[in-house]
Amino acid sequence: MSIVKKNFYNVECDRCGKLSEEESWWEDKEFVKENAVESGFIEVDGKHYCPNCYTIDDDDCIAIKEESK
């Protein structure tokens, strides 16, 4: 028997901490990013946000919701 260490990836919302897929992890970083976009995640200034943490207005302007205190 061999013990093998592998890295698996997911995308986490930088505002609320939600994962793009709660029960799925992948070995390919690029696939993870593509999958997150398909799940409604966006990337703004190098940070990732889930659909619950941003809005897009009629002019396609993105607004990140404020942290709840």
N, C-alpha and C. Protein backbone atom coordinates (compact mmCIF):
# COMPACT_ATOMS: atom_id res chain seq x y z
N MET A 1 0.85 -1.18 0.00
CA MET A 1 0.00 0.00 0.00
C MET A 1 0.89 1.23 0.00
N SER A 2 0.51 2.22 -0.81
CA SER A 2 1.24 3.49 -0.88
C SER A 2 0.31 4.62 -0.49
N ILE A 3 0.85 5.57 0.20
CA ILE A 3 0.10 6.79 0.53
C ILE A 3 0.55 7.85 -0.46
N VAL A 4 -0.40 8.45 -1.13
CA VAL A 4 -0.12 9.44 -2.15
C VAL A 4 -0.74 10.76 -1.73
N LYS A 5 0.02 11.82 -1.88
CA LYS A 5 -0.50 13.15 -1.58
C LYS A 5 -0.78 13.87 -2.90
N LYS A 6 -2.00 14.39 -3.04
CA LYS A 6 -2.38 15.15 -4.22
C LYS A 6 -3.03 16.45 -3.78
N ASN A 7 -2.90 17.47 -4.61
CA ASN A 7 -3.57 18.74 -4.35
C ASN A 7 -4.86 18.79 -5.16
N PHE A 8 -5.92 19.24 -4.51
CA PHE A 8 -7.20 19.43 -5.17
C PHE A 8 -7.63 20.87 -4.93
N TYR A 9 -8.39 21.41 -5.87
CA TYR A 9 -8.72 22.83 -5.84
C TYR A 9 -10.22 23.07 -5.90
N ASN A 10 -10.61 24.22 -5.41
CA ASN A 10 -11.97 24.73 -5.50
C ASN A 10 -11.85 26.25 -5.47
N VAL A 11 -12.91 26.96 -5.76
CA VAL A 11 -12.91 28.42 -5.68
C VAL A 11 -13.78 28.83 -4.50
N GLU A 12 -13.24 29.71 -3.65
CA GLU A 12 -13.94 30.19 -2.46
C GLU A 12 -14.26 31.67 -2.62
N CYS A 13 -15.48 32.04 -2.28
CA CYS A 13 -15.88 33.44 -2.33
C CYS A 13 -15.07 34.24 -1.32
N ASP A 14 -14.47 35.33 -1.78
CA ASP A 14 -13.67 36.17 -0.89
C ASP A 14 -14.50 37.02 0.06
N ARG A 15 -15.81 37.03 -0.12
CA ARG A 15 -16.67 37.80 0.79
C ARG A 15 -17.30 36.90 1.84
N CYS A 16 -17.94 35.80 1.42
CA CYS A 16 -18.69 34.97 2.38
C CYS A 16 -18.07 33.60 2.66
N GLY A 17 -17.10 33.19 1.84
CA GLY A 17 -16.45 31.91 2.06
C GLY A 17 -17.11 30.71 1.41
N LYS A 18 -18.21 30.93 0.67
CA LYS A 18 -18.90 29.82 0.00
C LYS A 18 -17.99 29.25 -1.09
N LEU A 19 -18.02 27.92 -1.25
CA LEU A 19 -17.26 27.26 -2.31
C LEU A 19 -18.12 27.18 -3.57
N SER A 20 -17.46 27.19 -4.73
CA SER A 20 -18.22 27.11 -5.98
C SER A 20 -18.95 25.78 -6.09
N GLU A 21 -18.38 24.72 -5.56
CA GLU A 21 -19.03 23.41 -5.49
C GLU A 21 -18.71 22.83 -4.12
N GLU A 22 -19.69 22.69 -3.29
CA GLU A 22 -19.46 22.26 -1.91
C GLU A 22 -18.86 20.86 -1.80
N GLU A 23 -19.24 19.96 -2.69
CA GLU A 23 -18.82 18.57 -2.55
C GLU A 23 -17.84 18.12 -3.63
N SER A 24 -17.37 19.04 -4.47
CA SER A 24 -16.48 18.65 -5.56
C SER A 24 -15.17 19.41 -5.47
N TRP A 25 -14.10 18.70 -5.74
CA TRP A 25 -12.75 19.27 -5.77
C TRP A 25 -12.06 18.73 -7.01
N TRP A 26 -11.20 19.53 -7.64
CA TRP A 26 -10.56 19.13 -8.88
C TRP A 26 -9.05 19.29 -8.81
N GLU A 27 -8.36 18.53 -9.68
CA GLU A 27 -6.92 18.61 -9.77
C GLU A 27 -6.46 19.72 -10.71
N ASP A 28 -7.28 20.13 -11.65
CA ASP A 28 -6.93 21.10 -12.67
C ASP A 28 -7.42 22.50 -12.29
N LYS A 29 -6.50 23.42 -12.05
CA LYS A 29 -6.87 24.78 -11.62
C LYS A 29 -7.71 25.50 -12.67
N GLU A 30 -7.39 25.34 -13.95
CA GLU A 30 -8.14 26.03 -14.99
C GLU A 30 -9.58 25.52 -15.07
N PHE A 31 -9.77 24.23 -14.92
CA PHE A 31 -11.12 23.68 -14.91
C PHE A 31 -11.91 24.23 -13.74
N VAL A 32 -11.26 24.38 -12.59
CA VAL A 32 -11.93 24.91 -11.40
C VAL A 32 -12.45 26.32 -11.69
N LYS A 33 -11.63 27.14 -12.32
CA LYS A 33 -12.06 28.51 -12.63
C LYS A 33 -13.24 28.51 -13.61
N GLU A 34 -13.16 27.68 -14.65
CA GLU A 34 -14.25 27.58 -15.62
C GLU A 34 -15.54 27.11 -14.94
N ASN A 35 -15.43 26.13 -14.08
CA ASN A 35 -16.59 25.60 -13.38
C ASN A 35 -17.20 26.65 -12.45
N ALA A 36 -16.36 27.43 -11.79
CA ALA A 36 -16.86 28.49 -10.90
C ALA A 36 -17.65 29.53 -11.69
N VAL A 37 -17.15 29.90 -12.86
CA VAL A 37 -17.87 30.86 -13.71
C VAL A 37 -19.23 30.29 -14.11
N GLU A 38 -19.26 29.01 -14.45
CA GLU A 38 -20.53 28.37 -14.80
C GLU A 38 -21.49 28.35 -13.61
N SER A 39 -20.96 28.38 -12.40
CA SER A 39 -21.78 28.41 -11.19
C SER A 39 -22.17 29.82 -10.78
N GLY A 40 -21.79 30.82 -11.59
CA GLY A 40 -22.17 32.20 -11.32
C GLY A 40 -21.12 33.02 -10.59
N PHE A 41 -19.96 32.45 -10.30
CA PHE A 41 -18.90 33.20 -9.65
C PHE A 41 -18.28 34.19 -10.63
N ILE A 42 -17.79 35.30 -10.11
CA ILE A 42 -17.07 36.27 -10.92
C ILE A 42 -15.73 36.55 -10.25
N GLU A 43 -14.80 37.10 -11.03
CA GLU A 43 -13.51 37.52 -10.50
C GLU A 43 -13.37 39.01 -10.73
N VAL A 44 -13.09 39.74 -9.65
CA VAL A 44 -12.91 41.19 -9.72
C VAL A 44 -11.62 41.54 -8.98
N ASP A 45 -10.69 42.14 -9.67
CA ASP A 45 -9.41 42.54 -9.08
C ASP A 45 -8.72 41.38 -8.36
N GLY A 46 -8.77 40.19 -8.97
CA GLY A 46 -8.10 39.02 -8.41
C GLY A 46 -8.84 38.33 -7.28
N LYS A 47 -10.02 38.81 -6.93
CA LYS A 47 -10.84 38.18 -5.89
C LYS A 47 -12.05 37.54 -6.54
N HIS A 48 -12.56 36.49 -5.89
CA HIS A 48 -13.69 35.75 -6.44
C HIS A 48 -14.93 35.96 -5.57
N TYR A 49 -16.09 36.09 -6.24
CA TYR A 49 -17.34 36.35 -5.53
C TYR A 49 -18.44 35.43 -6.06
N CYS A 50 -19.22 34.85 -5.13
CA CYS A 50 -20.34 34.00 -5.50
C CYS A 50 -21.53 34.88 -5.90
N PRO A 51 -22.54 34.30 -6.54
CA PRO A 51 -23.70 35.08 -7.00
C PRO A 51 -24.45 35.81 -5.88
N ASN A 52 -24.34 35.34 -4.64
CA ASN A 52 -25.02 36.00 -3.52
C ASN A 52 -24.29 37.25 -3.04
N CYS A 53 -23.07 37.47 -3.51
CA CYS A 53 -22.25 38.55 -2.95
C CYS A 53 -22.00 39.70 -3.92
N TYR A 54 -22.69 39.70 -5.06
CA TYR A 54 -22.56 40.82 -5.99
C TYR A 54 -23.86 41.02 -6.74
N THR A 55 -23.99 42.21 -7.31
CA THR A 55 -25.11 42.51 -8.20
C THR A 55 -24.55 43.12 -9.48
N ILE A 56 -25.34 43.01 -10.54
CA ILE A 56 -25.00 43.64 -11.81
C ILE A 56 -26.19 44.48 -12.22
N ASP A 57 -25.95 45.78 -12.46
CA ASP A 57 -27.06 46.66 -12.82
C ASP A 57 -27.34 46.62 -14.32
N ASP A 58 -28.28 47.43 -14.78
CA ASP A 58 -28.70 47.44 -16.18
C ASP A 58 -27.58 47.87 -17.13
N ASP A 59 -26.57 48.56 -16.59
CA ASP A 59 -25.44 49.00 -17.41
C ASP A 59 -24.25 48.04 -17.31
N ASP A 60 -24.51 46.84 -16.77
CA ASP A 60 -23.49 45.80 -16.59
C ASP A 60 -22.38 46.20 -15.62
N CYS A 61 -22.68 47.11 -14.70
CA CYS A 61 -21.72 47.49 -13.66
C CYS A 61 -21.87 46.53 -12.49
N ILE A 62 -20.75 46.01 -12.02
CA ILE A 62 -20.75 45.05 -10.93
C ILE A 62 -20.57 45.78 -9.61
N ALA A 63 -21.39 45.45 -8.63
CA ALA A 63 -21.27 46.02 -7.28
C ALA A 63 -21.15 44.87 -6.30
N ILE A 64 -20.04 44.86 -5.55
CA ILE A 64 -19.84 43.84 -4.53
C ILE A 64 -20.60 44.27 -3.29
N LYS A 65 -21.39 43.39 -2.73
CA LYS A 65 -22.16 43.72 -1.52
C LYS A 65 -21.20 43.93 -0.35
N GLU A 66 -21.59 44.80 0.55
CA GLU A 66 -20.77 45.08 1.73
C GLU A 66 -20.84 43.93 2.71
N GLU A 67 -19.78 43.77 3.46
CA GLU A 67 -19.73 42.75 4.52
C GLU A 67 -20.79 43.08 5.56
N SER A 68 -21.50 42.07 6.04
CA SER A 68 -22.46 42.31 7.12
C SER A 68 -21.69 42.36 8.44
N LYS A 69 -22.09 43.26 9.30
CA LYS A 69 -21.34 43.47 10.55
C LYS A 69 -22.03 42.85 11.72
